[in-house]
Amino acid sequence: MTIDSDRLFTVAQTVKLTGYSEESIRRWIRKGALPVERVGPYRRVRVRFSVLRQLFPR
């Protein structure tokens, strides 16, 4: 399966892709260790696939 590098993932999707807990992912976001983008009028948190690929290479 090929995933576009510009694709944005929710925290829940990031948990499934990485295998880490939601608590860990949110902690890394708060600390700035996991860069995120805020989208939409409610500024929802999204993680870019290219960032995940850099931080969690397989």
N, C-alpha and C. Protein backbone atom coordinates (compact mmCIF):
# COMPACT_ATOMS: atom_id res chain seq x y z
N MET A 1 0.84 -1.18 0.00
CA MET A 1 0.00 0.00 0.00
C MET A 1 0.88 1.24 0.00
N THR A 2 0.63 2.15 -0.90
CA THR A 2 1.37 3.40 -0.99
C THR A 2 0.53 4.51 -0.39
N ILE A 3 1.16 5.30 0.49
CA ILE A 3 0.47 6.42 1.12
C ILE A 3 1.14 7.70 0.67
N ASP A 4 0.35 8.67 0.24
CA ASP A 4 0.84 9.97 -0.19
C ASP A 4 1.52 10.67 0.99
N SER A 5 2.71 11.22 0.78
CA SER A 5 3.47 11.89 1.84
C SER A 5 2.75 13.09 2.43
N ASP A 6 1.86 13.71 1.66
CA ASP A 6 1.14 14.89 2.12
C ASP A 6 -0.14 14.55 2.87
N ARG A 7 -0.47 13.27 2.98
CA ARG A 7 -1.71 12.88 3.65
C ARG A 7 -1.65 13.22 5.13
N LEU A 8 -2.78 13.68 5.65
CA LEU A 8 -2.87 14.02 7.07
C LEU A 8 -3.65 12.95 7.82
N PHE A 9 -3.18 12.62 9.02
CA PHE A 9 -3.80 11.59 9.84
C PHE A 9 -4.28 12.16 11.16
N THR A 10 -5.38 11.63 11.65
CA THR A 10 -5.87 12.00 12.98
C THR A 10 -4.98 11.32 14.03
N VAL A 11 -5.17 11.70 15.28
CA VAL A 11 -4.42 11.06 16.35
C VAL A 11 -4.76 9.56 16.39
N ALA A 12 -6.03 9.22 16.25
CA ALA A 12 -6.44 7.81 16.27
C ALA A 12 -5.78 7.02 15.14
N GLN A 13 -5.71 7.59 13.97
CA GLN A 13 -5.05 6.92 12.85
C GLN A 13 -3.55 6.79 13.09
N THR A 14 -2.97 7.81 13.71
CA THR A 14 -1.54 7.78 14.04
C THR A 14 -1.25 6.67 15.03
N VAL A 15 -2.15 6.47 15.99
CA VAL A 15 -2.00 5.39 16.97
C VAL A 15 -1.98 4.04 16.24
N LYS A 16 -2.89 3.85 15.31
CA LYS A 16 -2.95 2.58 14.57
C LYS A 16 -1.71 2.35 13.71
N LEU A 17 -1.21 3.42 13.09
CA LEU A 17 -0.05 3.29 12.22
C LEU A 17 1.23 3.01 12.99
N THR A 18 1.39 3.65 14.15
CA THR A 18 2.64 3.55 14.90
C THR A 18 2.65 2.44 15.93
N GLY A 19 1.47 2.10 16.46
CA GLY A 19 1.40 1.10 17.51
C GLY A 19 1.62 1.66 18.90
N TYR A 20 1.82 2.96 19.01
CA TYR A 20 1.97 3.61 20.32
C TYR A 20 0.60 4.00 20.86
N SER A 21 0.51 4.23 22.15
CA SER A 21 -0.77 4.57 22.76
C SER A 21 -1.16 6.00 22.42
N GLU A 22 -2.45 6.27 22.53
CA GLU A 22 -2.95 7.63 22.29
C GLU A 22 -2.32 8.61 23.28
N GLU A 23 -2.17 8.17 24.51
CA GLU A 23 -1.55 9.02 25.53
C GLU A 23 -0.13 9.42 25.13
N SER A 24 0.64 8.47 24.62
CA SER A 24 2.02 8.77 24.19
C SER A 24 2.03 9.75 23.03
N ILE A 25 1.18 9.51 22.04
CA ILE A 25 1.12 10.40 20.88
C ILE A 25 0.76 11.81 21.31
N ARG A 26 -0.26 11.96 22.16
CA ARG A 26 -0.68 13.29 22.61
C ARG A 26 0.41 13.96 23.46
N ARG A 27 1.14 13.18 24.25
CA ARG A 27 2.24 13.73 25.05
C ARG A 27 3.33 14.28 24.14
N TRP A 28 3.69 13.52 23.09
CA TRP A 28 4.70 13.99 22.15
C TRP A 28 4.25 15.25 21.43
N ILE A 29 2.97 15.35 21.13
CA ILE A 29 2.43 16.55 20.48
C ILE A 29 2.56 17.75 21.44
N ARG A 30 2.15 17.56 22.69
CA ARG A 30 2.25 18.66 23.69
C ARG A 30 3.68 19.14 23.87
N LYS A 31 4.62 18.19 23.88
CA LYS A 31 6.03 18.54 24.09
C LYS A 31 6.68 19.10 22.83
N GLY A 32 6.01 18.98 21.69
CA GLY A 32 6.57 19.47 20.43
C GLY A 32 7.46 18.46 19.74
N ALA A 33 7.52 17.24 20.27
CA ALA A 33 8.35 16.20 19.66
C ALA A 33 7.72 15.63 18.40
N LEU A 34 6.41 15.74 18.29
CA LEU A 34 5.68 15.28 17.11
C LEU A 34 4.98 16.50 16.49
N PRO A 35 5.54 17.04 15.41
CA PRO A 35 4.94 18.22 14.78
C PRO A 35 3.56 17.90 14.20
N VAL A 36 2.64 18.82 14.39
CA VAL A 36 1.28 18.64 13.88
C VAL A 36 0.84 19.86 13.09
N GLU A 37 -0.27 19.69 12.39
CA GLU A 37 -0.91 20.79 11.69
C GLU A 37 -2.31 20.92 12.25
N ARG A 38 -2.78 22.13 12.34
CA ARG A 38 -4.14 22.40 12.81
C ARG A 38 -4.99 22.72 11.59
N VAL A 39 -6.11 22.04 11.44
CA VAL A 39 -6.94 22.22 10.25
C VAL A 39 -8.39 22.53 10.63
N GLY A 40 -9.06 23.22 9.74
CA GLY A 40 -10.47 23.50 9.90
C GLY A 40 -10.76 24.59 10.92
N PRO A 41 -12.03 24.94 11.02
CA PRO A 41 -12.43 26.02 11.93
C PRO A 41 -12.22 25.68 13.40
N TYR A 42 -12.18 24.39 13.73
CA TYR A 42 -11.97 23.99 15.12
C TYR A 42 -10.52 23.65 15.42
N ARG A 43 -9.64 23.90 14.40
CA ARG A 43 -8.20 23.70 14.56
C ARG A 43 -7.86 22.29 15.04
N ARG A 44 -8.46 21.30 14.41
CA ARG A 44 -8.24 19.90 14.75
C ARG A 44 -6.78 19.50 14.46
N VAL A 45 -6.25 18.62 15.28
CA VAL A 45 -4.87 18.18 15.17
C VAL A 45 -4.75 17.11 14.09
N ARG A 46 -3.77 17.28 13.21
CA ARG A 46 -3.48 16.28 12.18
C ARG A 46 -1.97 16.12 12.08
N VAL A 47 -1.55 14.90 11.77
CA VAL A 47 -0.13 14.58 11.63
C VAL A 47 0.12 14.21 10.18
N ARG A 48 1.13 14.83 9.59
CA ARG A 48 1.47 14.56 8.19
C ARG A 48 2.23 13.24 8.08
N PHE A 49 1.90 12.44 7.06
CA PHE A 49 2.53 11.14 6.89
C PHE A 49 4.04 11.26 6.74
N SER A 50 4.53 12.27 6.04
CA SER A 50 5.97 12.41 5.86
C SER A 50 6.69 12.58 7.19
N VAL A 51 6.04 13.23 8.16
CA VAL A 51 6.61 13.39 9.50
C VAL A 51 6.66 12.02 10.19
N LEU A 52 5.59 11.26 10.09
CA LEU A 52 5.56 9.92 10.69
C LEU A 52 6.64 9.04 10.10
N ARG A 53 6.83 9.13 8.81
CA ARG A 53 7.83 8.30 8.12
C ARG A 53 9.24 8.64 8.62
N GLN A 54 9.50 9.93 8.90
CA GLN A 54 10.81 10.34 9.41
C GLN A 54 11.02 9.87 10.85
N LEU A 55 10.00 10.01 11.68
CA LEU A 55 10.14 9.68 13.09
C LEU A 55 10.02 8.20 13.40
N PHE A 56 9.26 7.48 12.58
CA PHE A 56 9.02 6.06 12.79
C PHE A 56 9.33 5.25 11.53
N PRO A 57 10.60 5.22 11.12
CA PRO A 57 10.93 4.48 9.88
C PRO A 57 10.74 2.98 10.07
N ARG A 58 10.35 2.32 9.00
CA ARG A 58 10.18 0.86 9.04
C ARG A 58 11.09 0.21 8.05
